[in-house]
Amino acid sequence: MLARGLATTAYLMARSPLRTQHWRSATAAITLSHPLRAGQPVTAALQAPSLPLAQSVITWEYQNAAPTLGATLTFIPTAFGPCWIEAEAQLPDGRRVFARYAGEVK
């Protein structure tokens, strides 16, 4: 039954107009509303100039926090020292783009 479902999915994908779509790796970056400071809220946004991110699903991960979904990530750094933020956007057509930010909380 699983093999039949896979075959059907492959057949439908082969008939889709997306089968001829060429994918080139896109670059993305995470921008912050202001520098990281302990106790001050900061908003992170994912930027990918060559992709329309308005309709995408963006998953955010921040150091010591559970993953969240949203167009932006607002958080309050609580500890001084190294900090990382990751974002992955999945576009409606299935393409994905990823970015990582590494900084220092002061």
N, C-alpha and C. Protein backbone atom coordinates (compact mmCIF):
# COMPACT_ATOMS: atom_id res chain seq x y z
N MET A 1 0.82 -1.18 0.00
CA MET A 1 0.00 0.00 0.00
C MET A 1 0.88 1.27 0.00
N LEU A 2 1.94 1.25 0.78
CA LEU A 2 2.85 2.39 0.81
C LEU A 2 3.52 2.60 -0.54
N ALA A 3 3.90 1.50 -1.19
CA ALA A 3 4.53 1.60 -2.51
C ALA A 3 3.57 2.19 -3.54
N ARG A 4 2.32 1.82 -3.45
CA ARG A 4 1.32 2.35 -4.37
C ARG A 4 1.14 3.85 -4.16
N GLY A 5 1.12 4.29 -2.89
CA GLY A 5 1.01 5.71 -2.59
C GLY A 5 2.21 6.49 -3.11
N LEU A 6 3.42 5.91 -2.96
CA LEU A 6 4.63 6.56 -3.46
C LEU A 6 4.59 6.67 -4.98
N ALA A 7 4.15 5.61 -5.64
CA ALA A 7 4.06 5.64 -7.10
C ALA A 7 3.07 6.69 -7.57
N THR A 8 1.94 6.79 -6.88
CA THR A 8 0.92 7.79 -7.25
C THR A 8 1.46 9.21 -7.05
N THR A 9 2.13 9.42 -5.92
CA THR A 9 2.71 10.73 -5.65
C THR A 9 3.75 11.10 -6.70
N ALA A 10 4.62 10.16 -7.04
CA ALA A 10 5.64 10.41 -8.06
C ALA A 10 5.00 10.73 -9.41
N TYR A 11 3.96 10.03 -9.76
CA TYR A 11 3.25 10.27 -11.02
C TYR A 11 2.66 11.67 -11.05
N LEU A 12 1.99 12.06 -9.96
CA LEU A 12 1.38 13.39 -9.91
C LEU A 12 2.43 14.49 -9.94
N MET A 13 3.54 14.28 -9.25
CA MET A 13 4.61 15.28 -9.27
C MET A 13 5.21 15.42 -10.66
N ALA A 14 5.31 14.33 -11.38
CA ALA A 14 5.88 14.37 -12.73
C ALA A 14 4.96 15.12 -13.70
N ARG A 15 3.68 15.20 -13.40
CA ARG A 15 2.73 15.91 -14.26
C ARG A 15 2.60 17.39 -13.88
N SER A 16 3.15 17.78 -12.77
CA SER A 16 3.05 19.15 -12.28
C SER A 16 3.93 20.09 -13.11
N PRO A 17 3.52 21.35 -13.27
CA PRO A 17 4.37 22.31 -13.98
C PRO A 17 5.66 22.62 -13.22
N LEU A 18 5.72 22.28 -11.93
CA LEU A 18 6.92 22.52 -11.15
C LEU A 18 8.06 21.57 -11.52
N ARG A 19 7.78 20.54 -12.30
CA ARG A 19 8.83 19.57 -12.64
C ARG A 19 9.95 20.20 -13.47
N THR A 20 9.64 21.28 -14.18
CA THR A 20 10.66 21.94 -15.00
C THR A 20 11.28 23.15 -14.31
N GLN A 21 10.84 23.41 -13.07
CA GLN A 21 11.37 24.55 -12.35
C GLN A 21 12.81 24.27 -11.94
N HIS A 22 13.69 25.21 -12.26
CA HIS A 22 15.09 25.07 -11.90
C HIS A 22 15.32 25.75 -10.56
N TRP A 23 16.03 25.11 -9.69
CA TRP A 23 16.31 25.67 -8.38
C TRP A 23 17.77 26.03 -8.28
N ARG A 24 18.01 27.23 -7.89
CA ARG A 24 19.37 27.68 -7.59
C ARG A 24 19.39 28.04 -6.12
N SER A 25 20.43 27.66 -5.47
CA SER A 25 20.55 27.93 -4.05
C SER A 25 20.42 29.43 -3.79
N ALA A 26 19.61 29.77 -2.82
CA ALA A 26 19.40 31.17 -2.47
C ALA A 26 20.12 31.48 -1.16
N THR A 27 20.53 32.71 -1.02
CA THR A 27 21.18 33.11 0.22
C THR A 27 20.16 33.84 1.09
N ALA A 28 20.30 33.64 2.38
CA ALA A 28 19.41 34.29 3.34
C ALA A 28 20.25 34.78 4.51
N ALA A 29 19.71 35.73 5.23
CA ALA A 29 20.40 36.29 6.39
C ALA A 29 19.37 36.67 7.45
N ILE A 30 19.80 36.63 8.69
CA ILE A 30 18.96 37.05 9.80
C ILE A 30 19.39 38.45 10.21
N THR A 31 18.44 39.37 10.26
CA THR A 31 18.74 40.73 10.69
C THR A 31 18.06 40.97 12.03
N LEU A 32 18.69 41.77 12.87
CA LEU A 32 18.17 42.09 14.20
C LEU A 32 17.72 43.54 14.26
N SER A 33 16.70 43.82 15.06
CA SER A 33 16.20 45.18 15.20
C SER A 33 17.23 46.10 15.88
N HIS A 34 18.07 45.53 16.72
CA HIS A 34 19.17 46.27 17.36
C HIS A 34 20.14 45.25 17.96
N PRO A 35 21.33 45.67 18.38
CA PRO A 35 22.30 44.73 18.94
C PRO A 35 21.75 43.99 20.16
N LEU A 36 22.25 42.79 20.38
CA LEU A 36 21.81 41.97 21.50
C LEU A 36 22.29 42.54 22.83
N ARG A 37 21.33 42.81 23.72
CA ARG A 37 21.65 43.28 25.06
C ARG A 37 20.78 42.50 26.05
N ALA A 38 21.38 42.01 27.10
CA ALA A 38 20.64 41.22 28.09
C ALA A 38 19.49 42.04 28.67
N GLY A 39 18.31 41.42 28.74
CA GLY A 39 17.14 42.06 29.32
C GLY A 39 16.36 42.96 28.38
N GLN A 40 16.84 43.19 27.16
CA GLN A 40 16.13 44.06 26.21
C GLN A 40 15.55 43.21 25.07
N PRO A 41 14.26 43.37 24.77
CA PRO A 41 13.66 42.61 23.68
C PRO A 41 14.30 42.97 22.33
N VAL A 42 14.45 41.96 21.50
CA VAL A 42 15.01 42.16 20.17
C VAL A 42 14.15 41.34 19.19
N THR A 43 13.99 41.85 17.99
CA THR A 43 13.22 41.15 16.95
C THR A 43 14.16 40.75 15.82
N ALA A 44 14.09 39.47 15.46
CA ALA A 44 14.88 38.94 14.36
C ALA A 44 13.97 38.72 13.16
N ALA A 45 14.48 39.02 11.97
CA ALA A 45 13.74 38.83 10.73
C ALA A 45 14.62 38.09 9.73
N LEU A 46 14.01 37.26 8.93
CA LEU A 46 14.72 36.51 7.89
C LEU A 46 14.63 37.29 6.59
N GLN A 47 15.77 37.52 5.95
CA GLN A 47 15.83 38.25 4.68
C GLN A 47 16.40 37.33 3.60
N ALA A 48 15.70 37.22 2.49
CA ALA A 48 16.17 36.48 1.32
C ALA A 48 15.74 37.28 0.10
N PRO A 49 16.59 38.18 -0.38
CA PRO A 49 16.19 39.11 -1.44
C PRO A 49 15.64 38.45 -2.70
N SER A 50 16.12 37.26 -3.03
CA SER A 50 15.69 36.65 -4.29
C SER A 50 14.46 35.76 -4.14
N LEU A 51 13.88 35.66 -2.92
CA LEU A 51 12.73 34.79 -2.71
C LEU A 51 11.57 35.56 -2.07
N PRO A 52 10.34 35.23 -2.46
CA PRO A 52 9.18 35.85 -1.83
C PRO A 52 8.83 35.10 -0.54
N LEU A 53 9.22 35.63 0.61
CA LEU A 53 9.01 34.93 1.88
C LEU A 53 7.65 35.21 2.51
N ALA A 54 6.83 36.06 1.91
CA ALA A 54 5.55 36.43 2.52
C ALA A 54 4.63 35.23 2.74
N GLN A 55 4.64 34.26 1.84
CA GLN A 55 3.76 33.10 1.95
C GLN A 55 4.45 31.88 2.56
N SER A 56 5.68 32.03 3.00
CA SER A 56 6.43 30.89 3.50
C SER A 56 6.15 30.65 4.98
N VAL A 57 6.46 29.43 5.42
CA VAL A 57 6.38 29.07 6.83
C VAL A 57 7.80 29.14 7.37
N ILE A 58 8.01 29.99 8.37
CA ILE A 58 9.36 30.18 8.91
C ILE A 58 9.42 29.58 10.30
N THR A 59 10.39 28.69 10.50
CA THR A 59 10.64 28.07 11.80
C THR A 59 11.87 28.72 12.41
N TRP A 60 11.73 29.20 13.63
CA TRP A 60 12.81 29.88 14.34
C TRP A 60 13.30 29.01 15.49
N GLU A 61 14.60 29.00 15.69
CA GLU A 61 15.20 28.36 16.85
C GLU A 61 16.17 29.35 17.47
N TYR A 62 16.10 29.43 18.79
CA TYR A 62 16.94 30.35 19.54
C TYR A 62 17.56 29.56 20.67
N GLN A 63 18.75 29.91 21.03
CA GLN A 63 19.49 29.22 22.08
C GLN A 63 18.63 29.05 23.34
N ASN A 64 18.53 27.81 23.82
CA ASN A 64 17.79 27.46 25.04
C ASN A 64 16.30 27.75 24.97
N ALA A 65 15.71 27.71 23.79
CA ALA A 65 14.27 27.94 23.64
C ALA A 65 13.69 26.92 22.65
N ALA A 66 12.42 26.65 22.79
CA ALA A 66 11.73 25.72 21.89
C ALA A 66 11.55 26.38 20.52
N PRO A 67 11.55 25.58 19.44
CA PRO A 67 11.31 26.15 18.10
C PRO A 67 9.93 26.79 18.03
N THR A 68 9.83 27.88 17.27
CA THR A 68 8.56 28.57 17.08
C THR A 68 8.37 28.90 15.61
N LEU A 69 7.12 29.12 15.22
CA LEU A 69 6.78 29.52 13.86
C LEU A 69 6.38 30.99 13.86
N GLY A 70 6.70 31.67 12.77
CA GLY A 70 6.27 33.06 12.63
C GLY A 70 7.11 33.81 11.62
N ALA A 71 6.62 34.95 11.20
CA ALA A 71 7.34 35.77 10.22
C ALA A 71 8.59 36.37 10.84
N THR A 72 8.52 36.69 12.14
CA THR A 72 9.67 37.21 12.87
C THR A 72 9.76 36.51 14.21
N LEU A 73 10.87 36.72 14.90
CA LEU A 73 11.08 36.15 16.23
C LEU A 73 11.41 37.30 17.17
N THR A 74 10.61 37.47 18.22
CA THR A 74 10.90 38.47 19.23
C THR A 74 11.23 37.73 20.53
N PHE A 75 12.36 38.08 21.13
CA PHE A 75 12.78 37.40 22.35
C PHE A 75 13.59 38.36 23.21
N ILE A 76 13.82 37.95 24.44
CA ILE A 76 14.61 38.75 25.38
C ILE A 76 15.82 37.91 25.80
N PRO A 77 17.02 38.29 25.37
CA PRO A 77 18.21 37.57 25.82
C PRO A 77 18.36 37.71 27.34
N THR A 78 18.61 36.61 28.02
CA THR A 78 18.70 36.65 29.48
C THR A 78 20.12 36.46 30.00
N ALA A 79 20.99 35.90 29.20
CA ALA A 79 22.35 35.60 29.68
C ALA A 79 23.37 36.31 28.79
N PHE A 80 24.45 36.74 29.42
CA PHE A 80 25.56 37.34 28.68
C PHE A 80 26.35 36.24 27.98
N GLY A 81 27.01 36.59 26.88
CA GLY A 81 27.89 35.65 26.20
C GLY A 81 27.38 35.27 24.83
N PRO A 82 27.90 34.16 24.28
CA PRO A 82 27.54 33.74 22.93
C PRO A 82 26.05 33.42 22.80
N CYS A 83 25.52 33.70 21.63
CA CYS A 83 24.10 33.48 21.34
C CYS A 83 23.96 33.06 19.88
N TRP A 84 23.01 32.17 19.58
CA TRP A 84 22.76 31.81 18.19
C TRP A 84 21.26 31.81 17.91
N ILE A 85 20.94 32.10 16.67
CA ILE A 85 19.56 32.09 16.17
C ILE A 85 19.59 31.40 14.81
N GLU A 86 18.63 30.53 14.56
CA GLU A 86 18.52 29.86 13.26
C GLU A 86 17.09 30.03 12.73
N ALA A 87 16.97 30.13 11.42
CA ALA A 87 15.66 30.25 10.78
C ALA A 87 15.67 29.41 9.51
N GLU A 88 14.55 28.73 9.29
CA GLU A 88 14.37 27.97 8.04
C GLU A 88 13.00 28.32 7.49
N ALA A 89 12.98 28.74 6.23
CA ALA A 89 11.72 29.09 5.57
C ALA A 89 11.39 28.03 4.52
N GLN A 90 10.14 27.58 4.55
CA GLN A 90 9.66 26.66 3.52
C GLN A 90 8.65 27.42 2.68
N LEU A 91 8.97 27.55 1.40
CA LEU A 91 8.09 28.26 0.48
C LEU A 91 6.94 27.36 0.06
N PRO A 92 5.83 27.92 -0.44
CA PRO A 92 4.67 27.11 -0.83
C PRO A 92 4.98 26.03 -1.86
N ASP A 93 5.98 26.25 -2.71
CA ASP A 93 6.31 25.25 -3.73
C ASP A 93 7.29 24.20 -3.22
N GLY A 94 7.64 24.24 -1.94
CA GLY A 94 8.50 23.21 -1.35
C GLY A 94 9.96 23.61 -1.20
N ARG A 95 10.36 24.69 -1.84
CA ARG A 95 11.76 25.11 -1.70
C ARG A 95 12.00 25.58 -0.27
N ARG A 96 13.26 25.49 0.16
CA ARG A 96 13.63 25.89 1.52
C ARG A 96 14.87 26.77 1.47
N VAL A 97 14.97 27.65 2.47
CA VAL A 97 16.16 28.48 2.62
C VAL A 97 16.45 28.55 4.12
N PHE A 98 17.72 28.62 4.47
CA PHE A 98 18.15 28.54 5.85
C PHE A 98 19.16 29.64 6.15
N ALA A 99 19.13 30.16 7.38
CA ALA A 99 20.12 31.16 7.80
C ALA A 99 20.43 30.94 9.28
N ARG A 100 21.64 31.33 9.66
CA ARG A 100 22.09 31.22 11.05
C ARG A 100 22.76 32.53 11.44
N TYR A 101 22.49 32.98 12.66
CA TYR A 101 23.12 34.17 13.21
C TYR A 101 23.85 33.75 14.48
N ALA A 102 25.06 34.18 14.61
CA ALA A 102 25.84 33.93 15.83
C ALA A 102 26.37 35.27 16.31
N GLY A 103 26.09 35.58 17.55
CA GLY A 103 26.50 36.87 18.08
C GLY A 103 26.82 36.78 19.56
N GLU A 104 26.96 37.92 20.16
CA GLU A 104 27.34 38.01 21.57
C GLU A 104 26.34 38.91 22.29
N VAL A 105 25.78 38.42 23.39
CA VAL A 105 24.87 39.22 24.22
C VAL A 105 25.73 40.02 25.18
N LYS A 106 25.52 41.34 25.19
CA LYS A 106 26.32 42.21 26.06
C LYS A 106 25.48 42.80 27.15
